[in-house]
Amino acid sequence: MVKSSNSKVDLTIGATWFRGVATYGKVMIGDKAFEFYNEHNIADYVQIPWNEVTYVVADVHFRGKYIPRFELRTKKNGTFIFSTRDNKKTLRGIQKYVPASHMRQALGLGQKLKLRFTKK
């Protein structure tokens, strides 16, 4: 069994980790790290300390009514894409440990098209 790096857990919720093939498990938000673990396969886990997270980027649709997924961008290990049963609740839990200036909204379709056609 994997030892949790958190001493206090704020939220545990069912989640999906998108890494080529979707992996299902639980996300645990605590005082020291963001953790994902699969209850069926012990080898499928990730522990991301809060000091390692640079940005949290959320896909927001319908003016905040629907958030399908979010990603954690880290200093050394790249990006990790997750979706939970209640992404708003999860992002509010993350907000306690990541400053608001490091939480971003992903670009919308119109913004992506504008960026693509205005670049030379």
PDB file of N, CA and C in Angstrom:
ATOM      1  N   MET A   1       0.843  -1.178   0.000  1.00  0.00           N
ATOM      2  CA  MET A   1       0.000   0.000   0.000  1.00  0.00           C
ATOM      3  C   MET A   1       0.888   1.241   0.000  1.00  0.00           C
ATOM      4  N   VAL A   2       0.452   2.259  -0.697  1.00  0.00           N
ATOM      5  CA  VAL A   2       1.182   3.507  -0.796  1.00  0.00           C
ATOM      6  C   VAL A   2       0.896   4.347   0.438  1.00  0.00           C
ATOM      7  N   LYS A   3       1.950   4.934   1.002  1.00  0.00           N
ATOM      8  CA  LYS A   3       1.782   5.768   2.188  1.00  0.00           C
ATOM      9  C   LYS A   3       1.450   7.187   1.755  1.00  0.00           C
ATOM     10  N   SER A   4       0.398   7.725   2.313  1.00  0.00           N
ATOM     11  CA  SER A   4      -0.035   9.075   1.989  1.00  0.00           C
ATOM     12  C   SER A   4       0.946  10.087   2.574  1.00  0.00           C
ATOM     13  N   SER A   5       1.196  11.154   1.823  1.00  0.00           N
ATOM     14  CA  SER A   5       2.073  12.204   2.331  1.00  0.00           C
ATOM     15  C   SER A   5       1.293  13.262   3.107  1.00  0.00           C
ATOM     16  N   ASN A   6      -0.039  13.193   3.083  1.00  0.00           N
ATOM     17  CA  ASN A   6      -0.878  14.152   3.804  1.00  0.00           C
ATOM     18  C   ASN A   6      -1.071  13.718   5.250  1.00  0.00           C
ATOM     19  N   SER A   7      -1.047  14.684   6.163  1.00  0.00           N
ATOM     20  CA  SER A   7      -1.376  14.388   7.551  1.00  0.00           C
ATOM     21  C   SER A   7      -2.841  14.724   7.839  1.00  0.00           C
ATOM     22  N   LYS A   8      -3.427  15.636   7.042  1.00  0.00           N
ATOM     23  CA  LYS A   8      -4.832  16.007   7.188  1.00  0.00           C
ATOM     24  C   LYS A   8      -5.461  15.998   5.794  1.00  0.00           C
ATOM     25  N   VAL A   9      -6.582  15.308   5.640  1.00  0.00           N
ATOM     26  CA  VAL A   9      -7.255  15.196   4.344  1.00  0.00           C
ATOM     27  C   VAL A   9      -8.497  16.079   4.347  1.00  0.00           C
ATOM     28  N   ASP A  10      -8.610  16.950   3.335  1.00  0.00           N
ATOM     29  CA  ASP A  10      -9.764  17.833   3.207  1.00  0.00           C
ATOM     30  C   ASP A  10     -10.868  17.228   2.351  1.00  0.00           C
ATOM     31  N   LEU A  11     -10.487  16.501   1.293  1.00  0.00           N
ATOM     32  CA  LEU A  11     -11.474  15.993   0.354  1.00  0.00           C
ATOM     33  C   LEU A  11     -10.980  14.696  -0.277  1.00  0.00           C
ATOM     34  N   THR A  12     -11.859  13.716  -0.361  1.00  0.00           N
ATOM     35  CA  THR A  12     -11.609  12.491  -1.105  1.00  0.00           C
ATOM     36  C   THR A  12     -12.802  12.278  -2.015  1.00  0.00           C
ATOM     37  N   ILE A  13     -12.529  12.096  -3.323  1.00  0.00           N
ATOM     38  CA  ILE A  13     -13.614  12.013  -4.298  1.00  0.00           C
ATOM     39  C   ILE A  13     -13.189  11.110  -5.455  1.00  0.00           C
ATOM     40  N   GLY A  14     -14.152  10.429  -6.067  1.00  0.00           N
ATOM     41  CA  GLY A  14     -13.881   9.582  -7.217  1.00  0.00           C
ATOM     42  C   GLY A  14     -13.389  10.405  -8.391  1.00  0.00           C
ATOM     43  N   ALA A  15     -12.412   9.859  -9.139  1.00  0.00           N
ATOM     44  CA  ALA A  15     -11.788  10.646 -10.191  1.00  0.00           C
ATOM     45  C   ALA A  15     -11.289   9.772 -11.333  1.00  0.00           C
ATOM     46  N   THR A  16     -10.918  10.449 -12.425  1.00  0.00           N
ATOM     47  CA  THR A  16     -10.302   9.823 -13.582  1.00  0.00           C
ATOM     48  C   THR A  16      -9.021  10.572 -13.887  1.00  0.00           C
ATOM     49  N   TRP A  17      -7.958   9.835 -14.097  1.00  0.00           N
ATOM     50  CA  TRP A  17      -6.664  10.408 -14.479  1.00  0.00           C
ATOM     51  C   TRP A  17      -6.461  10.081 -15.945  1.00  0.00           C
ATOM     52  N   PHE A  18      -6.343  11.113 -16.790  1.00  0.00           N
ATOM     53  CA  PHE A  18      -6.170  10.927 -18.227  1.00  0.00           C
ATOM     54  C   PHE A  18      -4.681  10.932 -18.541  1.00  0.00           C
ATOM     55  N   ARG A  19      -4.166   9.768 -18.898  1.00  0.00           N
ATOM     56  CA  ARG A  19      -2.753   9.657 -19.273  1.00  0.00           C
ATOM     57  C   ARG A  19      -2.626   8.615 -20.374  1.00  0.00           C
ATOM     58  N   GLY A  20      -3.092   8.950 -21.559  1.00  0.00           N
ATOM     59  CA  GLY A  20      -3.139   7.988 -22.649  1.00  0.00           C
ATOM     60  C   GLY A  20      -4.381   7.135 -22.517  1.00  0.00           C
ATOM     61  N   VAL A  21      -4.417   6.297 -21.530  1.00  0.00           N
ATOM     62  CA  VAL A  21      -5.588   5.489 -21.196  1.00  0.00           C
ATOM     63  C   VAL A  21      -6.126   6.008 -19.863  1.00  0.00           C
ATOM     64  N   ALA A  22      -7.428   6.162 -19.793  1.00  0.00           N
ATOM     65  CA  ALA A  22      -8.031   6.683 -18.563  1.00  0.00           C
ATOM     66  C   ALA A  22      -7.862   5.686 -17.423  1.00  0.00           C
ATOM     67  N   THR A  23      -7.457   6.198 -16.272  1.00  0.00           N
ATOM     68  CA  THR A  23      -7.304   5.396 -15.065  1.00  0.00           C
ATOM     69  C   THR A  23      -8.287   5.915 -14.028  1.00  0.00           C
ATOM     70  N   TYR A  24      -9.068   5.009 -13.449  1.00  0.00           N
ATOM     71  CA  TYR A  24     -10.100   5.390 -12.496  1.00  0.00           C
ATOM     72  C   TYR A  24      -9.636   5.116 -11.075  1.00  0.00           C
ATOM     73  N   GLY A  25      -9.967   6.036 -10.183  1.00  0.00           N
ATOM     74  CA  GLY A  25      -9.572   5.879  -8.789  1.00  0.00           C
ATOM     75  C   GLY A  25     -10.158   6.983  -7.941  1.00  0.00           C
ATOM     76  N   LYS A  26      -9.381   7.442  -6.977  1.00  0.00           N
ATOM     77  CA  LYS A  26      -9.828   8.503  -6.072  1.00  0.00           C
ATOM     78  C   LYS A  26      -8.756   9.581  -5.983  1.00  0.00           C
ATOM     79  N   VAL A  27      -9.230  10.815  -5.825  1.00  0.00           N
ATOM     80  CA  VAL A  27      -8.354  11.961  -5.601  1.00  0.00           C
ATOM     81  C   VAL A  27      -8.463  12.331  -4.135  1.00  0.00           C
ATOM     82  N   MET A  28      -7.310  12.599  -3.528  1.00  0.00           N
ATOM     83  CA  MET A  28      -7.280  13.023  -2.136  1.00  0.00           C
ATOM     84  C   MET A  28      -6.546  14.370  -2.071  1.00  0.00           C
ATOM     85  N   ILE A  29      -7.239  15.365  -1.529  1.00  0.00           N
ATOM     86  CA  ILE A  29      -6.650  16.686  -1.362  1.00  0.00           C
ATOM     87  C   ILE A  29      -6.382  16.867   0.121  1.00  0.00           C
ATOM     88  N   GLY A  30      -5.119  17.117   0.437  1.00  0.00           N
ATOM     89  CA  GLY A  30      -4.735  17.268   1.828  1.00  0.00           C
ATOM     90  C   GLY A  30      -3.846  18.467   2.042  1.00  0.00           C
ATOM     91  N   ASP A  31      -3.270  18.541   3.216  1.00  0.00           N
ATOM     92  CA  ASP A  31      -2.477  19.708   3.585  1.00  0.00           C
ATOM     93  C   ASP A  31      -1.103  19.745   2.929  1.00  0.00           C
ATOM     94  N   LYS A  32      -0.585  18.619   2.449  1.00  0.00           N
ATOM     95  CA  LYS A  32       0.763  18.605   1.884  1.00  0.00           C
ATOM     96  C   LYS A  32       0.811  18.294   0.395  1.00  0.00           C
ATOM     97  N   ALA A  33      -0.232  17.599  -0.162  1.00  0.00           N
ATOM     98  CA  ALA A  33      -0.135  17.180  -1.557  1.00  0.00           C
ATOM     99  C   ALA A  33      -1.495  16.877  -2.161  1.00  0.00           C
ATOM    100  N   PHE A  34      -1.502  16.826  -3.492  1.00  0.00           N
ATOM    101  CA  PHE A  34      -2.628  16.332  -4.279  1.00  0.00           C
ATOM    102  C   PHE A  34      -2.283  14.895  -4.624  1.00  0.00           C
ATOM    103  N   GLU A  35      -3.157  13.966  -4.283  1.00  0.00           N
ATOM    104  CA  GLU A  35      -2.855  12.548  -4.494  1.00  0.00           C
ATOM    105  C   GLU A  35      -3.965  11.875  -5.291  1.00  0.00           C
ATOM    106  N   PHE A  36      -3.568  11.019  -6.225  1.00  0.00           N
ATOM    107  CA  PHE A  36      -4.496  10.165  -6.947  1.00  0.00           C
ATOM    108  C   PHE A  36      -4.050   8.732  -6.720  1.00  0.00           C
ATOM    109  N   TYR A  37      -5.004   7.866  -6.408  1.00  0.00           N
ATOM    110  CA  TYR A  37      -4.659   6.461  -6.243  1.00  0.00           C
ATOM    111  C   TYR A  37      -5.782   5.589  -6.776  1.00  0.00           C
ATOM    112  N   ASN A  38      -5.393   4.452  -7.312  1.00  0.00           N
ATOM    113  CA  ASN A  38      -6.321   3.469  -7.838  1.00  0.00           C
ATOM    114  C   ASN A  38      -6.467   2.371  -6.795  1.00  0.00           C
ATOM    115  N   GLU A  39      -7.692   2.089  -6.389  1.00  0.00           N
ATOM    116  CA  GLU A  39      -7.911   1.091  -5.347  1.00  0.00           C
ATOM    117  C   GLU A  39      -7.655  -0.331  -5.833  1.00  0.00           C
ATOM    118  N   HIS A  40      -7.788  -0.570  -7.145  1.00  0.00           N
ATOM    119  CA  HIS A  40      -7.625  -1.918  -7.681  1.00  0.00           C
ATOM    120  C   HIS A  40      -6.180  -2.237  -8.053  1.00  0.00           C
ATOM    121  N   ASN A  41      -5.423  -1.233  -8.482  1.00  0.00           N
ATOM    122  CA  ASN A  41      -4.034  -1.434  -8.878  1.00  0.00           C
ATOM    123  C   ASN A  41      -3.166  -0.477  -8.066  1.00  0.00           C
ATOM    124  N   ILE A  42      -2.411  -1.007  -7.167  1.00  0.00           N
ATOM    125  CA  ILE A  42      -1.609  -0.188  -6.249  1.00  0.00           C
ATOM    126  C   ILE A  42      -0.538   0.614  -6.985  1.00  0.00           C
ATOM    127  N   ALA A  43      -0.085   0.128  -8.144  1.00  0.00           N
ATOM    128  CA  ALA A  43       0.973   0.815  -8.885  1.00  0.00           C
ATOM    129  C   ALA A  43       0.491   2.102  -9.554  1.00  0.00           C
ATOM    130  N   ASP A  44      -0.821   2.277  -9.712  1.00  0.00           N
ATOM    131  CA  ASP A  44      -1.366   3.484 -10.328  1.00  0.00           C
ATOM    132  C   ASP A  44      -1.630   4.539  -9.268  1.00  0.00           C
ATOM    133  N   TYR A  45      -0.651   5.367  -9.022  1.00  0.00           N
ATOM    134  CA  TYR A  45      -0.843   6.472  -8.077  1.00  0.00           C
ATOM    135  C   TYR A  45       0.086   7.607  -8.457  1.00  0.00           C
ATOM    136  N   VAL A  46      -0.258   8.794  -8.026  1.00  0.00           N
ATOM    137  CA  VAL A  46       0.611   9.960  -8.192  1.00  0.00           C
ATOM    138  C   VAL A  46       0.412  10.856  -6.975  1.00  0.00           C
ATOM    139  N   GLN A  47       1.509  11.372  -6.469  1.00  0.00           N
ATOM    140  CA  GLN A  47       1.491  12.314  -5.356  1.00  0.00           C
ATOM    141  C   GLN A  47       2.203  13.578  -5.820  1.00  0.00           C
ATOM    142  N   ILE A  48       1.477  14.672  -5.849  1.00  0.00           N
ATOM    143  CA  ILE A  48       2.028  15.948  -6.313  1.00  0.00           C
ATOM    144  C   ILE A  48       2.033  16.913  -5.138  1.00  0.00           C
ATOM    145  N   PRO A  49       3.202  17.229  -4.596  1.00  0.00           N
ATOM    146  CA  PRO A  49       3.263  18.192  -3.485  1.00  0.00           C
ATOM    147  C   PRO A  49       2.819  19.580  -3.943  1.00  0.00           C
ATOM    148  N   TRP A  50       2.239  20.335  -3.037  1.00  0.00           N
ATOM    149  CA  TRP A  50       1.735  21.663  -3.398  1.00  0.00           C
ATOM    150  C   TRP A  50       2.847  22.599  -3.839  1.00  0.00           C
ATOM    151  N   ASN A  51       4.047  22.455  -3.290  1.00  0.00           N
ATOM    152  CA  ASN A  51       5.142  23.349  -3.708  1.00  0.00           C
ATOM    153  C   ASN A  51       5.651  23.003  -5.108  1.00  0.00           C
ATOM    154  N   GLU A  52       5.246  21.878  -5.671  1.00  0.00           N
ATOM    155  CA  GLU A  52       5.634  21.468  -7.021  1.00  0.00           C
ATOM    156  C   GLU A  52       4.660  21.993  -8.077  1.00  0.00           C
ATOM    157  N   VAL A  53       3.440  22.342  -7.682  1.00  0.00           N
ATOM    158  CA  VAL A  53       2.412  22.800  -8.619  1.00  0.00           C
ATOM    159  C   VAL A  53       2.672  24.244  -9.006  1.00  0.00           C
ATOM    160  N   THR A  54       2.772  24.504 -10.332  1.00  0.00           N
ATOM    161  CA  THR A  54       2.946  25.878 -10.804  1.00  0.00           C
ATOM    162  C   THR A  54       1.605  26.500 -11.180  1.00  0.00           C
ATOM    163  N   TYR A  55       0.774  25.765 -11.919  1.00  0.00           N
ATOM    164  CA  TYR A  55      -0.530  26.271 -12.332  1.00  0.00           C
ATOM    165  C   TYR A  55      -1.576  25.177 -12.279  1.00  0.00           C
ATOM    166  N   VAL A  56      -2.814  25.594 -12.049  1.00  0.00           N
ATOM    167  CA  VAL A  56      -3.977  24.723 -12.191  1.00  0.00           C
ATOM    168  C   VAL A  56      -4.826  25.362 -13.282  1.00  0.00           C
ATOM    169  N   VAL A  57      -5.058  24.626 -14.367  1.00  0.00           N
ATOM    170  CA  VAL A  57      -5.799  25.142 -15.521  1.00  0.00           C
ATOM    171  C   VAL A  57      -7.088  24.339 -15.659  1.00  0.00           C
ATOM    172  N   ALA A  58      -8.219  25.040 -15.678  1.00  0.00           N
ATOM    173  CA  ALA A  58      -9.524  24.375 -15.758  1.00  0.00           C
ATOM    174  C   ALA A  58     -10.212  24.727 -17.072  1.00  0.00           C
ATOM    175  N   ASP A  59     -10.809  23.722 -17.718  1.00  0.00           N
ATOM    176  CA  ASP A  59     -11.666  23.952 -18.880  1.00  0.00           C
ATOM    177  C   ASP A  59     -13.033  24.363 -18.355  1.00  0.00           C
ATOM    178  N   VAL A  60     -13.476  25.550 -18.753  1.00  0.00           N
ATOM    179  CA  VAL A  60     -14.738  26.082 -18.250  1.00  0.00           C
ATOM    180  C   VAL A  60     -15.674  26.297 -19.435  1.00  0.00           C
ATOM    181  N   HIS A  61     -16.886  25.742 -19.339  1.00  0.00           N
ATOM    182  CA  HIS A  61     -17.884  25.893 -20.392  1.00  0.00           C
ATOM    183  C   HIS A  61     -19.160  26.469 -19.803  1.00  0.00           C
ATOM    184  N   PHE A  62     -19.935  27.141 -20.665  1.00  0.00           N
ATOM    185  CA  PHE A  62     -21.232  27.715 -20.284  1.00  0.00           C
ATOM    186  C   PHE A  62     -21.116  28.641 -19.081  1.00  0.00           C
ATOM    187  N   ARG A  63     -20.111  29.524 -19.137  1.00  0.00           N
ATOM    188  CA  ARG A  63     -19.885  30.553 -18.104  1.00  0.00           C
ATOM    189  C   ARG A  63     -19.750  29.974 -16.702  1.00  0.00           C
ATOM    190  N   GLY A  64     -19.072  28.851 -16.582  1.00  0.00           N
ATOM    191  CA  GLY A  64     -18.795  28.268 -15.284  1.00  0.00           C
ATOM    192  C   GLY A  64     -19.800  27.232 -14.818  1.00  0.00           C
ATOM    193  N   LYS A  65     -20.800  26.953 -15.619  1.00  0.00           N
ATOM    194  CA  LYS A  65     -21.800  25.947 -15.230  1.00  0.00           C
ATOM    195  C   LYS A  65     -21.249  24.527 -15.353  1.00  0.00           C
ATOM    196  N   TYR A  66     -20.293  24.323 -16.276  1.00  0.00           N
ATOM    197  CA  TYR A  66     -19.787  22.977 -16.553  1.00  0.00           C
ATOM    198  C   TYR A  66     -18.263  23.026 -16.658  1.00  0.00           C
ATOM    199  N   ILE A  67     -17.595  22.228 -15.849  1.00  0.00           N
ATOM    200  CA  ILE A  67     -16.135  22.102 -15.882  1.00  0.00           C
ATOM    201  C   ILE A  67     -15.817  20.623 -16.098  1.00  0.00           C
ATOM    202  N   PRO A  68     -15.467  20.225 -17.328  1.00  0.00           N
ATOM    203  CA  PRO A  68     -15.249  18.804 -17.598  1.00  0.00           C
ATOM    204  C   PRO A  68     -13.948  18.237 -17.042  1.00  0.00           C
ATOM    205  N   ARG A  69     -12.896  19.056 -16.988  1.00  0.00           N
ATOM    206  CA  ARG A  69     -11.594  18.548 -16.535  1.00  0.00           C
ATOM    207  C   ARG A  69     -10.716  19.710 -16.094  1.00  0.00           C
ATOM    208  N   PHE A  70      -9.650  19.362 -15.413  1.00  0.00           N
ATOM    209  CA  PHE A  70      -8.650  20.356 -15.032  1.00  0.00           C
ATOM    210  C   PHE A  70      -7.287  19.697 -15.111  1.00  0.00           C
ATOM    211  N   GLU A  71      -6.276  20.512 -15.189  1.00  0.00           N
ATOM    212  CA  GLU A  71      -4.920  19.965 -15.243  1.00  0.00           C
ATOM    213  C   GLU A  71      -4.029  20.666 -14.237  1.00  0.00           C
ATOM    214  N   LEU A  72      -3.114  19.901 -13.694  1.00  0.00           N
ATOM    215  CA  LEU A  72      -2.110  20.425 -12.777  1.00  0.00           C
ATOM    216  C   LEU A  72      -0.797  20.484 -13.534  1.00  0.00           C
ATOM    217  N   ARG A  73      -0.221  21.658 -13.626  1.00  0.00           N
ATOM    218  CA  ARG A  73       1.084  21.829 -14.267  1.00  0.00           C
ATOM    219  C   ARG A  73       2.133  21.911 -13.183  1.00  0.00           C
ATOM    220  N   THR A  74       3.177  21.084 -13.315  1.00  0.00           N
ATOM    221  CA  THR A  74       4.205  21.021 -12.287  1.00  0.00           C
ATOM    222  C   THR A  74       5.512  21.606 -12.799  1.00  0.00           C
ATOM    223  N   LYS A  75       6.439  21.832 -11.882  1.00  0.00           N
ATOM    224  CA  LYS A  75       7.731  22.410 -12.225  1.00  0.00           C
ATOM    225  C   LYS A  75       8.586  21.459 -13.038  1.00  0.00           C
ATOM    226  N   LYS A  76       8.611  20.182 -12.677  1.00  0.00           N
ATOM    227  CA  LYS A  76       9.534  19.243 -13.305  1.00  0.00           C
ATOM    228  C   LYS A  76       8.859  18.146 -14.116  1.00  0.00           C
ATOM    229  N   ASN A  77       7.676  17.697 -13.713  1.00  0.00           N
ATOM    230  CA  ASN A  77       7.097  16.481 -14.282  1.00  0.00           C
ATOM    231  C   ASN A  77       6.007  16.706 -15.313  1.00  0.00           C
ATOM    232  N   GLY A  78       5.811  17.912 -15.795  1.00  0.00           N
ATOM    233  CA  GLY A  78       4.831  18.151 -16.848  1.00  0.00           C
ATOM    234  C   GLY A  78       3.435  18.388 -16.316  1.00  0.00           C
ATOM    235  N   THR A  79       2.431  17.962 -17.120  1.00  0.00           N
ATOM    236  CA  THR A  79       1.040  18.205 -16.766  1.00  0.00           C
ATOM    237  C   THR A  79       0.324  16.898 -16.451  1.00  0.00           C
ATOM    238  N   PHE A  80      -0.634  16.991 -15.560  1.00  0.00           N
ATOM    239  CA  PHE A  80      -1.463  15.860 -15.168  1.00  0.00           C
ATOM    240  C   PHE A  80      -2.912  16.303 -15.338  1.00  0.00           C
ATOM    241  N   ILE A  81      -3.688  15.560 -16.122  1.00  0.00           N
ATOM    242  CA  ILE A  81      -5.074  15.920 -16.407  1.00  0.00           C
ATOM    243  C   ILE A  81      -5.999  15.003 -15.617  1.00  0.00           C
ATOM    244  N   PHE A  82      -6.936  15.617 -14.897  1.00  0.00           N
ATOM    245  CA  PHE A  82      -7.862  14.885 -14.047  1.00  0.00           C
ATOM    246  C   PHE A  82      -9.293  15.359 -14.285  1.00  0.00           C
ATOM    247  N   SER A  83     -10.225  14.498 -13.955  1.00  0.00           N
ATOM    248  CA  SER A  83     -11.638  14.845 -13.887  1.00  0.00           C
ATOM    249  C   SER A  83     -12.209  14.122 -12.680  1.00  0.00           C
ATOM    250  N   THR A  84     -12.995  14.815 -11.884  1.00  0.00           N
ATOM    251  CA  THR A  84     -13.595  14.199 -10.702  1.00  0.00           C
ATOM    252  C   THR A  84     -15.113  14.227 -10.825  1.00  0.00           C
ATOM    253  N   ARG A  85     -15.770  13.611  -9.881  1.00  0.00           N
ATOM    254  CA  ARG A  85     -17.239  13.607  -9.904  1.00  0.00           C
ATOM    255  C   ARG A  85     -17.807  15.005  -9.720  1.00  0.00           C
ATOM    256  N   ASP A  86     -17.120  15.856  -8.993  1.00  0.00           N
ATOM    257  CA  ASP A  86     -17.538  17.246  -8.792  1.00  0.00           C
ATOM    258  C   ASP A  86     -16.299  18.127  -8.915  1.00  0.00           C
ATOM    259  N   ASN A  87     -16.027  18.584 -10.130  1.00  0.00           N
ATOM    260  CA  ASN A  87     -14.807  19.361 -10.375  1.00  0.00           C
ATOM    261  C   ASN A  87     -14.811  20.708  -9.667  1.00  0.00           C
ATOM    262  N   LYS A  88     -15.974  21.326  -9.534  1.00  0.00           N
ATOM    263  CA  LYS A  88     -16.030  22.608  -8.822  1.00  0.00           C
ATOM    264  C   LYS A  88     -15.609  22.444  -7.369  1.00  0.00           C
ATOM    265  N   LYS A  89     -16.118  21.415  -6.732  1.00  0.00           N
ATOM    266  CA  LYS A  89     -15.775  21.146  -5.335  1.00  0.00           C
ATOM    267  C   LYS A  89     -14.286  20.843  -5.196  1.00  0.00           C
ATOM    268  N   THR A  90     -13.756  20.100  -6.149  1.00  0.00           N
ATOM    269  CA  THR A  90     -12.329  19.766  -6.133  1.00  0.00           C
ATOM    270  C   THR A  90     -11.473  21.018  -6.303  1.00  0.00           C
ATOM    271  N   LEU A  91     -11.844  21.878  -7.244  1.00  0.00           N
ATOM    272  CA  LEU A  91     -11.073  23.104  -7.468  1.00  0.00           C
ATOM    273  C   LEU A  91     -11.157  24.040  -6.263  1.00  0.00           C
ATOM    274  N   ARG A  92     -12.270  24.045  -5.578  1.00  0.00           N
ATOM    275  CA  ARG A  92     -12.375  24.849  -4.350  1.00  0.00           C
ATOM    276  C   ARG A  92     -11.469  24.294  -3.258  1.00  0.00           C
ATOM    277  N   GLY A  93     -11.319  22.975  -3.220  1.00  0.00           N
ATOM    278  CA  GLY A  93     -10.394  22.362  -2.263  1.00  0.00           C
ATOM    279  C   GLY A  93      -8.949  22.674  -2.603  1.00  0.00           C
ATOM    280  N   ILE A  94      -8.629  22.690  -3.892  1.00  0.00           N
ATOM    281  CA  ILE A  94      -7.268  23.013  -4.335  1.00  0.00           C
ATOM    282  C   ILE A  94      -6.949  24.472  -4.055  1.00  0.00           C
ATOM    283  N   GLN A  95      -7.970  25.322  -4.133  1.00  0.00           N
ATOM    284  CA  GLN A  95      -7.791  26.763  -3.961  1.00  0.00           C
ATOM    285  C   GLN A  95      -7.227  27.133  -2.589  1.00  0.00           C
ATOM    286  N   LYS A  96      -7.401  26.269  -1.602  1.00  0.00           N
ATOM    287  CA  LYS A  96      -6.845  26.530  -0.272  1.00  0.00           C
ATOM    288  C   LYS A  96      -5.319  26.475  -0.270  1.00  0.00           C
ATOM    289  N   TYR A  97      -4.744  25.695  -1.196  1.00  0.00           N
ATOM    290  CA  TYR A  97      -3.302  25.439  -1.172  1.00  0.00           C
ATOM    291  C   TYR A  97      -2.551  26.044  -2.354  1.00  0.00           C
ATOM    292  N   VAL A  98      -3.250  26.400  -3.411  1.00  0.00           N
ATOM    293  CA  VAL A  98      -2.628  27.035  -4.575  1.00  0.00           C
ATOM    294  C   VAL A  98      -3.155  28.463  -4.641  1.00  0.00           C
ATOM    295  N   PRO A  99      -2.286  29.469  -4.745  1.00  0.00           N
ATOM    296  CA  PRO A  99      -2.759  30.856  -4.783  1.00  0.00           C
ATOM    297  C   PRO A  99      -3.669  31.112  -5.990  1.00  0.00           C
ATOM    298  N   ALA A 100      -4.574  32.046  -5.852  1.00  0.00           N
ATOM    299  CA  ALA A 100      -5.519  32.369  -6.924  1.00  0.00           C
ATOM    300  C   ALA A 100      -4.816  32.840  -8.188  1.00  0.00           C
ATOM    301  N   SER A 101      -3.660  33.450  -8.048  1.00  0.00           N
ATOM    302  CA  SER A 101      -2.914  33.910  -9.222  1.00  0.00           C
ATOM    303  C   SER A 101      -2.355  32.754 -10.044  1.00  0.00           C
ATOM    304  N   HIS A 102      -2.328  31.557  -9.480  1.00  0.00           N
ATOM    305  CA  HIS A 102      -1.821  30.388 -10.189  1.00  0.00           C
ATOM    306  C   HIS A 102      -2.943  29.453 -10.650  1.00  0.00           C
ATOM    307  N   MET A 103      -4.177  29.914 -10.561  1.00  0.00           N
ATOM    308  CA  MET A 103      -5.311  29.141 -11.071  1.00  0.00           C
ATOM    309  C   MET A 103      -5.834  29.870 -12.301  1.00  0.00           C
ATOM    310  N   ARG A 104      -5.867  29.157 -13.428  1.00  0.00           N
ATOM    311  CA  ARG A 104      -6.211  29.755 -14.711  1.00  0.00           C
ATOM    312  C   ARG A 104      -7.405  29.064 -15.343  1.00  0.00           C
ATOM    313  N   GLN A 105      -8.029  29.791 -16.259  1.00  0.00           N
ATOM    314  CA  GLN A 105      -9.093  29.233 -17.079  1.00  0.00           C
ATOM    315  C   GLN A 105      -8.495  28.958 -18.447  1.00  0.00           C
ATOM    316  N   ALA A 106      -8.753  27.783 -19.001  1.00  0.00           N
ATOM    317  CA  ALA A 106      -8.219  27.420 -20.308  1.00  0.00           C
ATOM    318  C   ALA A 106      -8.827  28.311 -21.383  1.00  0.00           C
ATOM    319  N   LEU A 107      -8.117  28.456 -22.490  1.00  0.00           N
ATOM    320  CA  LEU A 107      -8.611  29.260 -23.593  1.00  0.00           C
ATOM    321  C   LEU A 107      -9.830  28.601 -24.229  1.00  0.00           C
ATOM    322  N   GLY A 108     -10.791  29.412 -24.617  1.00  0.00           N
ATOM    323  CA  GLY A 108     -11.973  28.916 -25.311  1.00  0.00           C
ATOM    324  C   GLY A 108     -11.683  28.730 -26.786  1.00  0.00           C
ATOM    325  N   LEU A 109     -12.634  28.178 -27.517  1.00  0.00           N
ATOM    326  CA  LEU A 109     -12.450  27.911 -28.933  1.00  0.00           C
ATOM    327  C   LEU A 109     -12.196  29.189 -29.718  1.00  0.00           C
ATOM    328  N   GLY A 110     -12.969  30.229 -29.430  1.00  0.00           N
ATOM    329  CA  GLY A 110     -12.780  31.503 -30.119  1.00  0.00           C
ATOM    330  C   GLY A 110     -11.412  32.105 -29.844  1.00  0.00           C
ATOM    331  N   GLN A 111     -10.956  32.004 -28.613  1.00  0.00           N
ATOM    332  CA  GLN A 111      -9.636  32.535 -28.258  1.00  0.00           C
ATOM    333  C   GLN A 111      -8.525  31.755 -28.951  1.00  0.00           C
ATOM    334  N   LYS A 112      -8.674  30.433 -29.052  1.00  0.00           N
ATOM    335  CA  LYS A 112      -7.675  29.609 -29.740  1.00  0.00           C
ATOM    336  C   LYS A 112      -7.607  29.945 -31.224  1.00  0.00           C
ATOM    337  N   LEU A 113      -8.775  30.122 -31.861  1.00  0.00           N
ATOM    338  CA  LEU A 113      -8.801  30.477 -33.286  1.00  0.00           C
ATOM    339  C   LEU A 113      -8.194  31.855 -33.520  1.00  0.00           C
ATOM    340  N   LYS A 114      -8.510  32.796 -32.656  1.00  0.00           N
ATOM    341  CA  LYS A 114      -7.963  34.148 -32.778  1.00  0.00           C
ATOM    342  C   LYS A 114      -6.448  34.122 -32.649  1.00  0.00           C
ATOM    343  N   LEU A 115      -5.942  33.358 -31.682  1.00  0.00           N
ATOM    344  CA  LEU A 115      -4.499  33.231 -31.491  1.00  0.00           C
ATOM    345  C   LEU A 115      -3.836  32.626 -32.735  1.00  0.00           C
ATOM    346  N   ARG A 116      -4.464  31.588 -33.294  1.00  0.00           N
ATOM    347  CA  ARG A 116      -3.889  30.888 -34.442  1.00  0.00           C
ATOM    348  C   ARG A 116      -3.799  31.789 -35.658  1.00  0.00           C
ATOM    349  N   PHE A 117      -4.843  32.587 -35.931  1.00  0.00           N
ATOM    350  CA  PHE A 117      -4.862  33.385 -37.139  1.00  0.00           C
ATOM    351  C   PHE A 117      -4.198  34.747 -36.994  1.00  0.00           C
ATOM    352  N   THR A 118      -3.911  35.204 -35.790  1.00  0.00           N
ATOM    353  CA  THR A 118      -3.219  36.475 -35.615  1.00  0.00           C
ATOM    354  C   THR A 118      -1.716  36.318 -35.509  1.00  0.00           C
ATOM    355  N   LYS A 119      -1.240  35.105 -35.257  1.00  0.00           N
ATOM    356  CA  LYS A 119       0.207  34.875 -35.207  1.00  0.00           C
ATOM    357  C   LYS A 119       0.775  34.857 -36.621  1.00  0.00           C
ATOM    358  N   LYS A 120       2.014  35.336 -36.750  1.00  0.00           N
ATOM    359  CA  LYS A 120       2.665  35.329 -38.068  1.00  0.00           C
ATOM    360  C   LYS A 120       3.696  34.254 -38.131  1.00  0.00           C
TER     361      LYS A 120
END
